[in-house]
Protein backbone atom coordinates (compact mmCIF):
# COMPACT_ATOMS: atom_id res chain seq x y z
CA UNK A 1 -15.52 19.91 13.56
CA UNK A 2 -14.38 22.37 16.17
CA UNK A 3 -12.71 21.27 19.37
CA UNK A 4 -14.64 23.97 21.16
CA UNK A 5 -17.30 26.53 20.28
CA UNK A 6 -17.32 30.16 21.28
CA UNK A 7 -19.37 33.01 22.64
CA UNK A 8 -19.28 36.75 22.00
CA UNK A 9 -20.54 39.60 24.17
CA UNK A 10 -21.12 43.27 23.46
CA UNK A 11 -22.10 46.24 25.63
CA UNK A 12 -24.77 47.27 23.13
CA UNK A 13 -27.88 45.15 23.79
CA UNK A 14 -29.17 45.24 20.21
CA UNK A 15 -25.76 44.42 18.76
CA UNK A 16 -25.35 41.66 21.32
CA UNK A 17 -28.64 40.01 20.35
CA UNK A 18 -27.85 40.24 16.64
CA UNK A 19 -24.34 38.88 17.07
CA UNK A 20 -25.51 36.06 19.32
CA UNK A 21 -28.12 35.04 16.76
CA UNK A 22 -25.54 35.04 13.97
CA UNK A 23 -23.14 32.94 16.03
CA UNK A 24 -25.88 30.46 16.98
CA UNK A 25 -26.72 29.97 13.30
CA UNK A 26 -23.03 29.49 12.54
CA UNK A 27 -22.66 26.94 15.34
CA UNK A 28 -25.67 25.01 14.05
CA UNK A 29 -24.04 24.83 10.64
CA UNK A 30 -20.85 23.44 12.16
CA UNK A 31 -22.49 20.65 14.15
CA UNK A 32 -25.23 19.78 11.66
CA UNK A 33 -24.75 16.50 9.74
CA UNK A 34 -23.49 17.00 6.18
CA UNK A 35 -25.63 15.99 3.24
CA UNK A 36 -24.61 12.94 1.17
CA UNK A 37 -23.53 15.29 -1.63
CA UNK A 38 -21.35 17.37 0.71
CA UNK A 39 -19.87 14.23 2.22
CA UNK A 40 -19.06 12.80 -1.21
CA UNK A 41 -17.36 16.04 -2.23
CA UNK A 42 -15.35 16.11 1.01
CA UNK A 43 -14.19 12.52 0.48
CA UNK A 44 -13.21 13.32 -3.10
CA UNK A 45 -11.01 16.19 -1.90
CA UNK A 46 -9.65 14.06 0.93
CA UNK A 47 -8.65 11.30 -1.50
CA UNK A 48 -6.58 13.79 -3.50
CA UNK A 49 -4.83 14.95 -0.34
CA UNK A 50 -4.11 11.36 0.70
CA UNK A 51 -2.76 10.51 -2.75
CA UNK A 52 -0.42 13.50 -2.63
CA UNK A 53 0.78 12.51 0.85
CA UNK A 54 1.34 8.87 -0.14
CA UNK A 55 3.32 9.89 -3.20
CA UNK A 56 6.02 11.39 -0.95
CA UNK A 57 7.06 7.93 0.28
CA UNK A 58 9.19 5.53 -1.78
CA UNK A 59 7.95 2.47 0.12
CA UNK A 60 4.45 2.91 -1.33
CA UNK A 61 4.11 1.20 -4.72
CA UNK A 62 3.32 3.95 -7.23
CA UNK A 63 0.72 1.84 -9.02
CA UNK A 64 -1.08 1.29 -5.71
CA UNK A 65 -1.36 4.92 -4.56
CA UNK A 66 -4.85 5.60 -5.93
CA UNK A 67 -6.17 2.26 -4.66
CA UNK A 68 -4.66 2.70 -1.19
CA UNK A 69 -5.96 6.26 -0.90
CA UNK A 70 -9.48 5.16 -1.83
CA UNK A 71 -9.43 2.29 0.63
CA UNK A 72 -8.18 4.50 3.46
CA UNK A 73 -10.75 7.24 2.84
CA UNK A 74 -13.59 4.71 2.77
CA UNK A 75 -12.13 2.50 5.53
CA UNK A 76 -12.62 -0.63 3.41
CA UNK A 77 -9.67 -2.69 4.65
CA UNK A 78 -11.36 -3.48 7.95
CA UNK A 79 -14.00 -5.47 6.04
CA UNK A 80 -11.48 -7.67 4.20
CA UNK A 81 -11.73 -11.42 4.68
CA UNK A 82 -8.38 -12.11 3.04
CA UNK A 83 -5.96 -11.65 5.91
CA UNK A 84 -2.30 -12.53 6.32
CA UNK A 85 -1.62 -15.73 8.22
CA UNK A 86 0.45 -15.83 11.39
CA UNK A 87 3.38 -17.29 9.45
CA UNK A 88 3.17 -14.55 6.82
CA UNK A 89 3.15 -11.82 9.46
CA UNK A 90 6.21 -13.32 11.12
CA UNK A 91 8.02 -13.53 7.79
CA UNK A 92 7.27 -9.86 7.13
CA UNK A 93 8.22 -8.83 10.70
CA UNK A 94 4.72 -7.50 11.35
CA UNK A 95 2.84 -7.42 14.63
CA UNK A 96 1.50 -10.95 14.98
CA UNK A 97 -1.47 -9.76 17.09
CA UNK A 98 -2.69 -7.34 14.42
CA UNK A 99 -4.91 -8.22 11.45
CA UNK A 100 -3.57 -7.16 8.05
CA UNK A 101 -5.56 -7.33 4.84
CA UNK A 102 -3.49 -8.88 2.06
CA UNK A 103 -4.49 -6.10 -0.37
CA UNK A 104 -3.32 -3.54 2.16
CA UNK A 105 0.15 -5.01 2.68
CA UNK A 106 0.54 -5.47 -1.07
CA UNK A 107 0.60 -1.66 -1.40
CA UNK A 108 4.01 -1.53 0.32
CA UNK A 109 7.44 -2.44 -1.00
CA UNK A 110 9.86 -4.51 1.09
CA UNK A 111 7.55 -4.62 4.09
CA UNK A 112 10.02 -6.70 6.10
CA UNK A 113 12.53 -3.81 5.92
CA UNK A 114 10.19 -1.16 7.32
CA UNK A 115 11.00 0.05 10.83
CA UNK A 116 7.38 1.05 11.54
CA UNK A 117 3.99 -0.61 11.35
CA UNK A 118 2.21 0.09 8.01
CA UNK A 119 -1.08 0.47 9.89
CA UNK A 120 0.47 3.02 12.23
CA UNK A 121 1.70 4.97 9.21
CA UNK A 122 -1.68 4.94 7.46
CA UNK A 123 -3.63 5.89 10.59
CA UNK A 124 -1.31 8.85 11.14
CA UNK A 125 -1.77 9.92 7.53
CA UNK A 126 -5.56 9.64 7.24
CA UNK A 127 -6.26 11.26 10.63
CA UNK A 128 -3.92 14.18 9.95
CA UNK A 129 -5.04 14.81 6.37
CA UNK A 130 -8.70 14.66 7.39
CA UNK A 131 -8.15 17.17 10.21
CA UNK A 132 -6.29 19.52 7.84
CA UNK A 133 -9.17 19.45 5.37
CA UNK A 134 -11.73 20.02 8.15
CA UNK A 135 -9.64 22.94 9.41
CA UNK A 136 -9.39 24.50 5.95
CA UNK A 137 -13.17 24.30 5.58
CA UNK A 138 -13.67 25.76 9.06
CA UNK A 139 -11.29 28.60 8.23
CA UNK A 140 -13.32 29.50 5.15
CA UNK A 141 -16.50 29.52 7.25
CA UNK A 142 -14.91 31.83 9.80
CA UNK A 143 -13.66 34.24 7.14
CA UNK A 144 -17.28 34.95 6.31
CA UNK A 145 -17.93 36.30 9.83
CA UNK A 146 -17.03 39.99 9.89
CA UNK A 147 -16.50 40.11 13.66
CA UNK A 148 -13.71 37.48 13.61
CA UNK A 149 -10.22 38.87 13.00
CA UNK A 150 -8.06 36.22 14.64
CA UNK A 151 -8.11 32.44 14.95
CA UNK A 152 -6.65 29.97 17.40
CA UNK A 153 -4.85 27.06 15.79
CA UNK A 154 -4.37 24.13 18.14
CA UNK A 155 -2.24 21.11 17.30
CA UNK A 156 -2.40 17.76 19.01
CA UNK A 157 0.92 16.02 18.26
CA UNK A 158 1.01 12.29 18.99
CA UNK A 159 4.35 10.52 18.71
CA UNK A 160 5.82 7.45 20.39
CA UNK A 161 2.81 7.20 22.68
CA UNK A 162 3.25 10.78 23.92
CA UNK A 163 0.83 13.66 23.38
CA UNK A 164 1.73 17.33 23.08
CA UNK A 165 -0.53 20.35 22.56
CA UNK A 166 0.65 23.48 20.75
CA UNK A 167 -1.46 26.65 20.46
CA UNK A 168 -0.89 29.45 17.97
CA UNK A 169 -2.78 32.71 17.28
CA UNK A 170 -3.04 33.95 13.69
CA UNK A 171 -4.73 36.79 11.85
CA UNK A 172 -7.60 35.17 10.01
CA UNK A 173 -6.60 36.52 6.58
CA UNK A 174 -2.89 35.79 6.74
CA UNK A 175 -1.69 32.98 4.45
CA UNK A 176 -1.33 29.77 6.42
CA UNK A 177 0.05 26.42 5.35
CA UNK A 178 -0.07 23.33 7.53
CA UNK A 179 3.37 21.88 8.07
CA UNK A 180 4.36 18.65 6.38
CA UNK A 181 4.20 15.73 8.81
CA UNK A 182 6.33 12.57 8.69
CA UNK A 183 3.62 9.93 9.06
CA UNK A 184 6.12 7.19 9.81
CA UNK A 185 6.72 8.93 13.14
CA UNK A 186 3.64 10.86 14.22
CA UNK A 187 0.19 12.26 13.61
CA UNK A 188 -0.86 15.87 14.08
CA UNK A 189 -4.49 16.82 14.53
CA UNK A 190 -5.38 20.45 13.81
CA UNK A 191 -8.25 22.42 15.34
CA UNK A 192 -9.23 25.94 14.31
CA UNK A 193 -11.52 28.13 16.41
CA UNK A 194 -12.28 31.87 16.58
CA UNK A 195 -10.10 34.01 18.81
CA UNK A 196 -12.08 37.04 19.92
CA UNK A 197 -10.78 39.60 22.37
CA UNK A 198 -13.96 40.74 24.13
CA UNK A 199 -12.03 43.52 25.86
CA UNK A 200 -11.07 45.08 22.53
CA UNK A 201 -13.30 48.13 21.88
CA UNK A 202 -13.26 47.31 18.14
CA UNK A 203 -15.33 44.24 18.90
CA UNK A 204 -18.11 46.35 20.39
CA UNK A 205 -18.77 48.61 17.46
């Protein structure tokens, strides 16, 4: 879940060993596969986030929001056999080289009037919302580690084929809300990691 892991050093040998052991256990928890129950709970929470995000857009049919969210979370559309024909894609002004499930396109109103690809929109949405939920879970894990006072929040912003990285430092306990992203234009992937100043004497107590 983390873009990068971390290390911590102390001048006191006993403290150093104890802190290293605690961090190693924490790292193992981060990289260990989740149980089916944990994964199911994560996907349930993700579906709610996706539904809320979809509801902000008028071009998504309201009666299709729950269905579309479920399909995106479970990545079901890629298995569909009922695809739009070449003629249908041309009529709807869609990319003729891309495969579109009929059930997927039916979730959008006036597709031919959209100035973006529906798949592009949905990929931006599901990737961003998933990274936000991962980051929130990671933040809660880090709050349980008494030696972590600050976090690094990194954002990978992808728009119009260009990539930009933004790095911010926050106090771990300060309220933080992830900004609202326009998924018709871009995706933003968030990464949270500990920010520990090893030169700070407070970190050696």
